[in-house]
Amino acid sequence: MTTPITAQQKRTAFFQLHQSGCFIMPNPWNTGTALCLEQMGFPALASTSSGHAYANGLPDGTQPLHTVLSHLHELAAMTSVPLNADFENGYADDIGLMQQNIMECVATGVAGLSIEDTPQGGTQGLYDFAQAVSRVRAARDAIDQTGERVLLTARTEGFIRGAPDLPETTRRIQAFVDAGADCIYAPGINTSEQISAVVAAANGTPVNVLCGNGKAMTASELADLGVRRISVGGALARVAMDAFLRVAQQIRQEGRFDGFAGIVGGDELDRLFAPKD
């Protein structure tokens, strides 16, 4: 029987992935999709707040903390590759409570977690600059207090929160690096000029780029720009929801079932998920 991989081993592997090159870290939304992606050979995975929320019939940013922590624990326990947690704003505006929540997140077994510079749900815009930097520094302190080597990704959300200001984005990135971030993430940047500016501002700290639409650059193009990590956010979950909605609507409106033609069979999925002892 294969010896289980420990959380510490996954965390060490996650840091090693960020040392050089460029890797793709897709985002499953449940254990089934996580196991599929792991078996495809992806070296790390990341949760998606939106994908998991949609699967539970909720808008992004509205799930309670206990639900998210349970989900992260399940994903981390069921997979043998590093898991990064989409931990939104730490599920608290109050810094002390955010730190407590981060410690609980670390206890789920994740190898990394990301903290955004916007309140949960993004309805109130970005935290002001000083507050955002203080929150990254506090997140770093919270992780360090656990004694675990968990990678901290600091996210600045302006490009997806209606404030696509590149100078402000790079200013925050530089401050987040100084505050202890191990990785930088500015979702929504998509041109070579924007990405190059973010990579330059990170000054050697690994940069994650979101590829969540059909217009994204290729992995090799992003690697050439100095990107170290690529994720897809909730895009894979939306692919599944899109297929479900289209076929279900065809059944309801036309009484046709040809949308099922060519889909993966139950036998194949049974083999995929069978125990691998």
C-alpha atoms as a PDB file:
ATOM      1  CA  MET A   1       0.000   0.000   0.000  1.00  0.00           C
ATOM      2  CA  THR A   2       1.260   3.486  -0.855  1.00  0.00           C
ATOM      3  CA  THR A   3       2.433   5.528   2.134  1.00  0.00           C
ATOM      4  CA  PRO A   4       0.185   8.613   2.558  1.00  0.00           C
ATOM      5  CA  ILE A   5       1.790  11.938   1.709  1.00  0.00           C
ATOM      6  CA  THR A   6       1.819  14.250   4.701  1.00  0.00           C
ATOM      7  CA  ALA A   7       0.688  17.866   4.796  1.00  0.00           C
ATOM      8  CA  GLN A   8       4.274  18.880   5.498  1.00  0.00           C
ATOM      9  CA  GLN A   9       5.504  17.061   2.380  1.00  0.00           C
ATOM     10  CA  LYS A  10       2.842  18.751   0.263  1.00  0.00           C
ATOM     11  CA  ARG A  11       3.791  22.144   1.669  1.00  0.00           C
ATOM     12  CA  THR A  12       7.449  21.569   0.903  1.00  0.00           C
ATOM     13  CA  ALA A  13       6.555  20.492  -2.640  1.00  0.00           C
ATOM     14  CA  PHE A  14       4.410  23.604  -3.092  1.00  0.00           C
ATOM     15  CA  PHE A  15       7.271  25.938  -2.226  1.00  0.00           C
ATOM     16  CA  GLN A  16       9.548  23.997  -4.556  1.00  0.00           C
ATOM     17  CA  LEU A  17       7.111  24.456  -7.434  1.00  0.00           C
ATOM     18  CA  HIS A  18       7.413  28.230  -7.016  1.00  0.00           C
ATOM     19  CA  GLN A  19      11.224  28.290  -7.188  1.00  0.00           C
ATOM     20  CA  SER A  20      11.570  28.148 -10.978  1.00  0.00           C
ATOM     21  CA  GLY A  21       9.670  27.586 -14.199  1.00  0.00           C
ATOM     22  CA  CYS A  22       5.919  27.951 -14.648  1.00  0.00           C
ATOM     23  CA  PHE A  23       3.221  25.489 -13.564  1.00  0.00           C
ATOM     24  CA  ILE A  24      -0.539  25.231 -14.022  1.00  0.00           C
ATOM     25  CA  MET A  25      -2.669  24.915 -10.899  1.00  0.00           C
ATOM     26  CA  PRO A  26      -6.310  24.255 -11.938  1.00  0.00           C
ATOM     27  CA  ASN A  27      -9.278  24.760  -9.644  1.00  0.00           C
ATOM     28  CA  PRO A  28     -11.565  21.819  -8.757  1.00  0.00           C
ATOM     29  CA  TRP A  29     -14.790  22.469  -6.884  1.00  0.00           C
ATOM     30  CA  ASN A  30     -15.319  19.057  -5.220  1.00  0.00           C
ATOM     31  CA  THR A  31     -13.374  15.899  -4.481  1.00  0.00           C
ATOM     32  CA  GLY A  32     -14.367  14.184  -7.717  1.00  0.00           C
ATOM     33  CA  THR A  33     -12.992  16.966  -9.899  1.00  0.00           C
ATOM     34  CA  ALA A  34      -9.929  17.254  -7.653  1.00  0.00           C
ATOM     35  CA  LEU A  35      -9.117  13.566  -8.093  1.00  0.00           C
ATOM     36  CA  CYS A  36      -9.585  13.817 -11.861  1.00  0.00           C
ATOM     37  CA  LEU A  37      -7.177  16.748 -12.097  1.00  0.00           C
ATOM     38  CA  GLU A  38      -4.644  15.030  -9.872  1.00  0.00           C
ATOM     39  CA  GLN A  39      -4.744  11.888 -12.006  1.00  0.00           C
ATOM     40  CA  MET A  40      -4.172  14.022 -15.111  1.00  0.00           C
ATOM     41  CA  GLY A  41      -0.820  14.963 -13.622  1.00  0.00           C
ATOM     42  CA  PHE A  42      -1.284  18.541 -12.464  1.00  0.00           C
ATOM     43  CA  PRO A  43       1.321  19.192  -9.748  1.00  0.00           C
ATOM     44  CA  ALA A  44      -0.927  21.325  -7.522  1.00  0.00           C
ATOM     45  CA  LEU A  45      -4.566  22.312  -7.178  1.00  0.00           C
ATOM     46  CA  ALA A  46      -6.452  25.325  -5.862  1.00  0.00           C
ATOM     47  CA  SER A  47      -9.939  25.630  -4.482  1.00  0.00           C
ATOM     48  CA  THR A  48     -12.399  28.035  -6.079  1.00  0.00           C
ATOM     49  CA  SER A  49     -14.789  30.004  -3.902  1.00  0.00           C
ATOM     50  CA  SER A  50     -17.120  30.655  -6.830  1.00  0.00           C
ATOM     51  CA  GLY A  51     -17.139  27.087  -8.149  1.00  0.00           C
ATOM     52  CA  HIS A  52     -17.917  25.608  -4.742  1.00  0.00           C
ATOM     53  CA  ALA A  53     -20.558  28.254  -4.046  1.00  0.00           C
ATOM     54  CA  TYR A  54     -22.319  27.598  -7.365  1.00  0.00           C
ATOM     55  CA  ALA A  55     -22.304  23.857  -6.684  1.00  0.00           C
ATOM     56  CA  ASN A  56     -24.105  24.636  -3.424  1.00  0.00           C
ATOM     57  CA  GLY A  57     -26.619  26.953  -5.076  1.00  0.00           C
ATOM     58  CA  LEU A  58     -25.103  30.176  -3.723  1.00  0.00           C
ATOM     59  CA  PRO A  59     -23.498  33.287  -5.227  1.00  0.00           C
ATOM     60  CA  ASP A  60     -19.752  33.659  -4.878  1.00  0.00           C
ATOM     61  CA  GLY A  61     -18.654  35.166  -1.582  1.00  0.00           C
ATOM     62  CA  THR A  62     -21.691  34.095   0.440  1.00  0.00           C
ATOM     63  CA  GLN A  63     -20.671  30.743   1.902  1.00  0.00           C
ATOM     64  CA  PRO A  64     -20.111  30.600   5.672  1.00  0.00           C
ATOM     65  CA  LEU A  65     -16.652  29.932   7.028  1.00  0.00           C
ATOM     66  CA  HIS A  66     -17.465  26.501   8.489  1.00  0.00           C
ATOM     67  CA  THR A  67     -18.633  25.284   5.079  1.00  0.00           C
ATOM     68  CA  VAL A  68     -15.454  26.498   3.420  1.00  0.00           C
ATOM     69  CA  LEU A  69     -13.180  24.982   6.065  1.00  0.00           C
ATOM     70  CA  SER A  70     -14.941  21.614   5.767  1.00  0.00           C
ATOM     71  CA  HIS A  71     -14.556  21.756   1.986  1.00  0.00           C
ATOM     72  CA  LEU A  72     -10.840  22.576   2.223  1.00  0.00           C
ATOM     73  CA  HIS A  73     -10.238  19.779   4.716  1.00  0.00           C
ATOM     74  CA  GLU A  74     -11.972  17.304   2.415  1.00  0.00           C
ATOM     75  CA  LEU A  75      -9.993  18.388  -0.660  1.00  0.00           C
ATOM     76  CA  ALA A  76      -6.686  18.333   1.203  1.00  0.00           C
ATOM     77  CA  ALA A  77      -7.369  14.916   2.717  1.00  0.00           C
ATOM     78  CA  MET A  78      -8.468  13.298  -0.541  1.00  0.00           C
ATOM     79  CA  THR A  79      -5.579  14.450  -2.735  1.00  0.00           C
ATOM     80  CA  SER A  80      -1.843  13.860  -2.638  1.00  0.00           C
ATOM     81  CA  VAL A  81      -0.768  17.081  -4.353  1.00  0.00           C
ATOM     82  CA  PRO A  82      -0.507  20.529  -2.730  1.00  0.00           C
ATOM     83  CA  LEU A  83      -3.757  22.451  -2.333  1.00  0.00           C
ATOM     84  CA  ASN A  84      -3.986  26.236  -2.316  1.00  0.00           C
ATOM     85  CA  ALA A  85      -7.031  27.706  -0.565  1.00  0.00           C
ATOM     86  CA  ASP A  86      -9.032  30.518  -2.149  1.00  0.00           C
ATOM     87  CA  PHE A  87      -9.601  32.113   1.246  1.00  0.00           C
ATOM     88  CA  GLU A  88     -11.209  35.347   0.031  1.00  0.00           C
ATOM     89  CA  ASN A  89     -10.623  38.117   2.617  1.00  0.00           C
ATOM     90  CA  GLY A  90      -9.985  35.662   5.424  1.00  0.00           C
ATOM     91  CA  TYR A  91     -13.730  35.702   6.102  1.00  0.00           C
ATOM     92  CA  ALA A  92     -13.482  38.750   8.338  1.00  0.00           C
ATOM     93  CA  ASP A  93     -12.949  42.494   8.088  1.00  0.00           C
ATOM     94  CA  ASP A  94     -11.561  42.499  11.626  1.00  0.00           C
ATOM     95  CA  ILE A  95      -7.851  41.671  11.455  1.00  0.00           C
ATOM     96  CA  GLY A  96      -7.790  39.660  14.665  1.00  0.00           C
ATOM     97  CA  LEU A  97     -10.672  37.479  13.526  1.00  0.00           C
ATOM     98  CA  MET A  98      -9.089  37.137  10.098  1.00  0.00           C
ATOM     99  CA  GLN A  99      -5.932  35.816  11.760  1.00  0.00           C
ATOM    100  CA  GLN A 100      -7.926  33.292  13.766  1.00  0.00           C
ATOM    101  CA  ASN A 101      -9.674  32.121  10.596  1.00  0.00           C
ATOM    102  CA  ILE A 102      -6.346  31.785   8.779  1.00  0.00           C
ATOM    103  CA  MET A 103      -5.032  29.547  11.546  1.00  0.00           C
ATOM    104  CA  GLU A 104      -8.115  27.367  11.155  1.00  0.00           C
ATOM    105  CA  CYS A 105      -7.496  27.264   7.418  1.00  0.00           C
ATOM    106  CA  VAL A 106      -3.907  26.111   7.955  1.00  0.00           C
ATOM    107  CA  ALA A 107      -5.250  23.338  10.206  1.00  0.00           C
ATOM    108  CA  THR A 108      -7.252  21.886   7.284  1.00  0.00           C
ATOM    109  CA  GLY A 109      -3.991  20.708   5.682  1.00  0.00           C
ATOM    110  CA  VAL A 110      -3.718  23.208   2.820  1.00  0.00           C
ATOM    111  CA  ALA A 111      -0.280  23.981   1.401  1.00  0.00           C
ATOM    112  CA  GLY A 112      -1.082  27.612   0.670  1.00  0.00           C
ATOM    113  CA  LEU A 113      -3.808  30.213   0.944  1.00  0.00           C
ATOM    114  CA  SER A 114      -4.656  33.487  -0.727  1.00  0.00           C
ATOM    115  CA  ILE A 115      -5.960  36.679   0.871  1.00  0.00           C
ATOM    116  CA  GLU A 116      -7.761  39.372  -1.142  1.00  0.00           C
ATOM    117  CA  ASP A 117      -7.663  43.149  -0.610  1.00  0.00           C
ATOM    118  CA  THR A 118     -11.437  43.469  -0.799  1.00  0.00           C
ATOM    119  CA  PRO A 119     -14.268  42.594   1.606  1.00  0.00           C
ATOM    120  CA  GLN A 120     -15.919  39.219   1.092  1.00  0.00           C
ATOM    121  CA  GLY A 121     -18.159  39.321  -1.965  1.00  0.00           C
ATOM    122  CA  GLY A 122     -16.389  42.394  -3.314  1.00  0.00           C
ATOM    123  CA  THR A 123     -19.443  44.638  -2.914  1.00  0.00           C
ATOM    124  CA  GLN A 124     -17.644  47.445  -1.032  1.00  0.00           C
ATOM    125  CA  GLY A 125     -14.628  47.929  -3.291  1.00  0.00           C
ATOM    126  CA  LEU A 126     -11.012  47.538  -2.202  1.00  0.00           C
ATOM    127  CA  TYR A 127      -9.670  48.064   1.289  1.00  0.00           C
ATOM    128  CA  ASP A 128      -7.661  51.279   1.382  1.00  0.00           C
ATOM    129  CA  PHE A 129      -3.953  50.920   0.774  1.00  0.00           C
ATOM    130  CA  ALA A 130      -2.741  51.019   4.384  1.00  0.00           C
ATOM    131  CA  GLN A 131      -5.434  48.615   5.552  1.00  0.00           C
ATOM    132  CA  ALA A 132      -4.728  46.194   2.698  1.00  0.00           C
ATOM    133  CA  VAL A 133      -1.022  46.119   3.512  1.00  0.00           C
ATOM    134  CA  SER A 134      -1.706  45.654   7.226  1.00  0.00           C
ATOM    135  CA  ARG A 135      -3.957  42.709   6.442  1.00  0.00           C
ATOM    136  CA  VAL A 136      -1.254  40.975   4.374  1.00  0.00           C
ATOM    137  CA  ARG A 137       1.253  41.515   7.176  1.00  0.00           C
ATOM    138  CA  ALA A 138      -1.245  40.139   9.702  1.00  0.00           C
ATOM    139  CA  ALA A 139      -1.932  37.129   7.469  1.00  0.00           C
ATOM    140  CA  ARG A 140       1.808  36.434   7.336  1.00  0.00           C
ATOM    141  CA  ASP A 141       2.009  36.657  11.122  1.00  0.00           C
ATOM    142  CA  ALA A 142      -0.964  34.315  11.555  1.00  0.00           C
ATOM    143  CA  ILE A 143       0.591  31.663   9.347  1.00  0.00           C
ATOM    144  CA  ASP A 144       3.932  32.004  11.096  1.00  0.00           C
ATOM    145  CA  GLN A 145       2.263  31.605  14.487  1.00  0.00           C
ATOM    146  CA  THR A 146       1.027  28.151  13.455  1.00  0.00           C
ATOM    147  CA  GLY A 147       4.611  26.961  12.982  1.00  0.00           C
ATOM    148  CA  GLU A 148       3.634  25.526   9.590  1.00  0.00           C
ATOM    149  CA  ARG A 149       5.294  26.433   6.291  1.00  0.00           C
ATOM    150  CA  VAL A 150       2.228  27.509   4.342  1.00  0.00           C
ATOM    151  CA  LEU A 151       2.600  29.694   1.246  1.00  0.00           C
ATOM    152  CA  LEU A 152       0.839  33.083   1.386  1.00  0.00           C
ATOM    153  CA  THR A 153      -0.549  34.544  -1.820  1.00  0.00           C
ATOM    154  CA  ALA A 154      -1.563  38.211  -1.654  1.00  0.00           C
ATOM    155  CA  ARG A 155      -4.244  39.224  -4.150  1.00  0.00           C
ATOM    156  CA  THR A 156      -5.074  42.711  -5.365  1.00  0.00           C
ATOM    157  CA  GLU A 157      -8.490  42.740  -6.958  1.00  0.00           C
ATOM    158  CA  GLY A 158      -8.798  46.086  -8.734  1.00  0.00           C
ATOM    159  CA  PHE A 159      -8.971  44.645 -12.251  1.00  0.00           C
ATOM    160  CA  ILE A 160     -12.009  42.505 -11.387  1.00  0.00           C
ATOM    161  CA  ARG A 161     -13.646  44.961  -8.952  1.00  0.00           C
ATOM    162  CA  GLY A 162     -14.171  47.895 -11.291  1.00  0.00           C
ATOM    163  CA  ALA A 163     -10.888  49.668 -10.471  1.00  0.00           C
ATOM    164  CA  PRO A 164      -8.415  48.593 -13.189  1.00  0.00           C
ATOM    165  CA  ASP A 165      -5.610  50.935 -12.118  1.00  0.00           C
ATOM    166  CA  LEU A 166      -2.219  49.477 -13.049  1.00  0.00           C
ATOM    167  CA  PRO A 167      -0.083  51.970 -11.069  1.00  0.00           C
ATOM    168  CA  GLU A 168      -2.160  51.301  -7.935  1.00  0.00           C
ATOM    169  CA  THR A 169      -1.979  47.557  -8.584  1.00  0.00           C
ATOM    170  CA  THR A 170       1.820  47.616  -8.816  1.00  0.00           C
ATOM    171  CA  ARG A 171       2.053  49.872  -5.739  1.00  0.00           C
ATOM    172  CA  ARG A 172       0.070  47.334  -3.739  1.00  0.00           C
ATOM    173  CA  ILE A 173       2.099  44.443  -5.107  1.00  0.00           C
ATOM    174  CA  GLN A 174       5.367  46.013  -3.997  1.00  0.00           C
ATOM    175  CA  ALA A 175       3.941  46.651  -0.528  1.00  0.00           C
ATOM    176  CA  PHE A 176       2.488  43.149  -0.274  1.00  0.00           C
ATOM    177  CA  VAL A 177       5.885  41.645  -1.061  1.00  0.00           C
ATOM    178  CA  ASP A 178       7.454  43.776   1.651  1.00  0.00           C
ATOM    179  CA  ALA A 179       4.680  42.641   4.048  1.00  0.00           C
ATOM    180  CA  GLY A 180       5.631  38.978   3.612  1.00  0.00           C
ATOM    181  CA  ALA A 181       3.689  37.603   0.645  1.00  0.00           C
ATOM    182  CA  ASP A 182       5.235  34.515  -0.960  1.00  0.00           C
ATOM    183  CA  CYS A 183       3.269  34.894  -4.202  1.00  0.00           C
ATOM    184  CA  ILE A 184       1.431  37.753  -5.918  1.00  0.00           C
ATOM    185  CA  TYR A 185      -1.877  37.541  -7.766  1.00  0.00           C
ATOM    186  CA  ALA A 186      -3.699  40.326  -9.625  1.00  0.00           C
ATOM    187  CA  PRO A 187      -6.696  38.610 -11.267  1.00  0.00           C
ATOM    188  CA  GLY A 188      -7.986  40.336 -14.365  1.00  0.00           C
ATOM    189  CA  ILE A 189      -4.679  41.447 -15.880  1.00  0.00           C
ATOM    190  CA  ASN A 190      -4.468  39.982 -19.374  1.00  0.00           C
ATOM    191  CA  THR A 191      -2.150  41.958 -21.654  1.00  0.00           C
ATOM    192  CA  SER A 192       1.575  41.423 -21.946  1.00  0.00           C
ATOM    193  CA  GLU A 193       2.123  44.992 -20.765  1.00  0.00           C
ATOM    194  CA  GLN A 194       0.024  44.506 -17.623  1.00  0.00           C
ATOM    195  CA  ILE A 195       1.536  41.134 -16.812  1.00  0.00           C
ATOM    196  CA  SER A 196       5.089  42.367 -17.369  1.00  0.00           C
ATOM    197  CA  ALA A 197       4.426  45.334 -15.076  1.00  0.00           C
ATOM    198  CA  VAL A 198       3.139  43.043 -12.335  1.00  0.00           C
ATOM    199  CA  VAL A 199       6.088  40.670 -12.688  1.00  0.00           C
ATOM    200  CA  ALA A 200       8.473  43.621 -12.493  1.00  0.00           C
ATOM    201  CA  ALA A 201       6.713  45.028  -9.411  1.00  0.00           C
ATOM    202  CA  ALA A 202       6.919  41.628  -7.685  1.00  0.00           C
ATOM    203  CA  ASN A 203      10.697  41.835  -8.134  1.00  0.00           C
ATOM    204  CA  GLY A 204      11.369  38.106  -8.097  1.00  0.00           C
ATOM    205  CA  THR A 205       8.418  37.045  -5.949  1.00  0.00           C
ATOM    206  CA  PRO A 206       6.379  34.465  -7.914  1.00  0.00           C
ATOM    207  CA  VAL A 207       3.361  35.799  -9.804  1.00  0.00           C
ATOM    208  CA  ASN A 208       0.095  33.925 -10.433  1.00  0.00           C
ATOM    209  CA  VAL A 209      -1.973  34.787 -13.506  1.00  0.00           C
ATOM    210  CA  LEU A 210      -5.643  33.908 -13.932  1.00  0.00           C
ATOM    211  CA  CYS A 211      -6.620  32.289 -17.242  1.00  0.00           C
ATOM    212  CA  GLY A 212     -10.389  32.155 -16.968  1.00  0.00           C
ATOM    213  CA  ASN A 213     -11.552  32.908 -20.495  1.00  0.00           C
ATOM    214  CA  GLY A 214     -10.933  31.795 -24.050  1.00  0.00           C
ATOM    215  CA  LYS A 215      -8.741  34.810 -24.807  1.00  0.00           C
ATOM    216  CA  ALA A 216      -6.004  33.972 -22.314  1.00  0.00           C
ATOM    217  CA  MET A 217      -2.406  33.581 -23.414  1.00  0.00           C
ATOM    218  CA  THR A 218      -0.880  30.133 -23.556  1.00  0.00           C
ATOM    219  CA  ALA A 219       1.161  28.751 -20.687  1.00  0.00           C
ATOM    220  CA  SER A 220       4.365  29.084 -22.699  1.00  0.00           C
ATOM    221  CA  GLU A 221       3.601  32.723 -23.525  1.00  0.00           C
ATOM    222  CA  LEU A 222       2.978  33.498 -19.866  1.00  0.00           C
ATOM    223  CA  ALA A 223       6.158  31.694 -18.859  1.00  0.00           C
ATOM    224  CA  ASP A 224       8.093  33.863 -21.299  1.00  0.00           C
ATOM    225  CA  LEU A 225       6.741  36.929 -19.476  1.00  0.00           C
ATOM    226  CA  GLY A 226       8.065  35.605 -16.176  1.00  0.00           C
ATOM    227  CA  VAL A 227       4.834  34.170 -14.760  1.00  0.00           C
ATOM    228  CA  ARG A 228       5.475  31.382 -12.279  1.00  0.00           C
ATOM    229  CA  ARG A 229       1.951  30.032 -11.646  1.00  0.00           C
ATOM    230  CA  ILE A 230      -1.299  29.828 -13.643  1.00  0.00           C
ATOM    231  CA  SER A 231      -4.781  29.167 -12.238  1.00  0.00           C
ATOM    232  CA  VAL A 232      -8.242  29.164 -13.811  1.00  0.00           C
ATOM    233  CA  GLY A 233     -10.473  30.274 -10.933  1.00  0.00           C
ATOM    234  CA  GLY A 234     -14.071  29.178 -11.329  1.00  0.00           C
ATOM    235  CA  ALA A 235     -13.793  28.657 -15.106  1.00  0.00           C
ATOM    236  CA  LEU A 236     -13.791  24.840 -15.033  1.00  0.00           C
ATOM    237  CA  ALA A 237     -16.830  24.887 -12.747  1.00  0.00           C
ATOM    238  CA  ARG A 238     -18.557  27.216 -15.212  1.00  0.00           C
ATOM    239  CA  VAL A 239     -17.705  24.821 -18.051  1.00  0.00           C
ATOM    240  CA  ALA A 240     -19.569  22.083 -16.180  1.00  0.00           C
ATOM    241  CA  MET A 241     -22.504  24.368 -15.341  1.00  0.00           C
ATOM    242  CA  ASP A 242     -22.672  25.563 -18.949  1.00  0.00           C
ATOM    243  CA  ALA A 243     -22.929  22.004 -20.281  1.00  0.00           C
ATOM    244  CA  PHE A 244     -25.518  21.101 -17.645  1.00  0.00           C
ATOM    245  CA  LEU A 245     -27.681  24.148 -18.376  1.00  0.00           C
ATOM    246  CA  ARG A 246     -27.541  23.727 -22.155  1.00  0.00           C
ATOM    247  CA  VAL A 247     -28.483  20.044 -22.136  1.00  0.00           C
ATOM    248  CA  ALA A 248     -31.131  20.427 -19.440  1.00  0.00           C
ATOM    249  CA  GLN A 249     -32.718  23.342 -21.314  1.00  0.00           C
ATOM    250  CA  GLN A 250     -32.759  21.265 -24.501  1.00  0.00           C
ATOM    251  CA  ILE A 251     -34.549  18.464 -22.657  1.00  0.00           C
ATOM    252  CA  ARG A 252     -37.092  20.852 -21.148  1.00  0.00           C
ATOM    253  CA  GLN A 253     -37.748  22.936 -24.255  1.00  0.00           C
ATOM    254  CA  GLU A 254     -37.414  20.366 -27.039  1.00  0.00           C
ATOM    255  CA  GLY A 255     -37.850  17.000 -25.359  1.00  0.00           C
ATOM    256  CA  ARG A 256     -34.573  15.872 -26.929  1.00  0.00           C
ATOM    257  CA  PHE A 257     -31.781  13.879 -25.327  1.00  0.00           C
ATOM    258  CA  ASP A 258     -29.051  13.977 -27.970  1.00  0.00           C
ATOM    259  CA  GLY A 259     -27.044  16.281 -25.707  1.00  0.00           C
ATOM    260  CA  PHE A 260     -25.975  13.087 -23.937  1.00  0.00           C
ATOM    261  CA  ALA A 261     -24.253  11.754 -27.075  1.00  0.00           C
ATOM    262  CA  GLY A 262     -20.543  11.137 -26.667  1.00  0.00           C
ATOM    263  CA  ILE A 263     -20.350  11.911 -22.956  1.00  0.00           C
ATOM    264  CA  VAL A 264     -18.121  10.003 -20.541  1.00  0.00           C
ATOM    265  CA  GLY A 265     -19.630   6.709 -19.406  1.00  0.00           C
ATOM    266  CA  GLY A 266     -20.357   5.525 -15.905  1.00  0.00           C
ATOM    267  CA  ASP A 267     -17.999   2.563 -16.282  1.00  0.00           C
ATOM    268  CA  GLU A 268     -15.121   4.887 -17.132  1.00  0.00           C
ATOM    269  CA  LEU A 269     -15.827   7.064 -14.120  1.00  0.00           C
ATOM    270  CA  ASP A 270     -16.104   3.994 -11.884  1.00  0.00           C
ATOM    271  CA  ARG A 271     -12.638   2.935 -13.023  1.00  0.00           C
ATOM    272  CA  LEU A 272     -11.290   6.444 -12.550  1.00  0.00           C
ATOM    273  CA  PHE A 273     -12.472   6.665  -8.960  1.00  0.00           C
ATOM    274  CA  ALA A 274     -11.761   3.063  -7.951  1.00  0.00           C
ATOM    275  CA  PRO A 275      -9.324   2.718  -5.004  1.00  0.00           C
ATOM    276  CA  LYS A 276      -5.681   2.653  -6.155  1.00  0.00           C
ATOM    277  CA  ASP A 277      -4.018   0.345  -3.609  1.00  0.00           C
END
